[in-house]
């Protein structure tokens, strides 16, 4: 027993030099392991008388418990120091300036839509919106596009059911706006939004794109008002020197119908490549 007591004292001295869990585990195994002195002494108990065995076992257990407590205390100390070292390394100096946050920007299409909205609101228009999943009734029928119209071909539209589809233009918003106008007051609206058509994607086409439609309903409104509005748009979006040209064209759903050309920003309309 005196030898074991001396060994515990030497362990107390040795354990002060240890600063990692691996070395601690090796020291613990050398004393409390299967081949350690504690285990060897416990094997001797079989040769003792019952009274001696009881007294000897009690002392052995006290020494073993004391040794386990020493090793456990050291283990906790090492782990606590490891955590503290980690905290010291990762400490945040609250007096340092903050890191610069790299913020995103609005999508170019969103920016253009907002520019159009600001322009039209300045001319007395209001902005109207509608559902992208639309009824056939509003998308086609109430725009004078009957069931047998070429634009109703399944190749041009994404149908969900026979009466439900992804809108192919923002014109249904015009229909809804006119239906809401129970007082039949003059209307000046724009309808920006996403539309969907069953088209092959390439550099100039997409199955999803953006339209901005304008609708004016009032007395004494002529094609000249349309031309003046288009000229304001062209000069706002493409430069103050822009000119426009209206070309008569055919569209099965509007009458009269025109297409619009905008003069070149490089040659000012003289002609270039």
Foldseek 3Di string as FASTA:
>chain_A
DVVLVVVLVVCLVVLVPDQDDVVLVVVCCCDPNCPHPLVVQLVCLVVDDPVVSVVSVVVSVVSVVVSVVSSVVSVVVNVVVVVVVVCVVPPDDPVDDDDDDDDDDDDPVVVVVVLVQVVQVVVVAEEFEDDQWDFCCLQAVVLVHDPPHPCNDPQWFAAPDPGIGGRAAQRSRVVVVCVVPPVPDWHWYKYKDKGATNDDDDPVDDRIDIDIDIDTDDPPDDVVNVLVVVLVVCCSVPHVLKDKDWAFDDDPRDPRDTDMDIADPPPSNPDDD
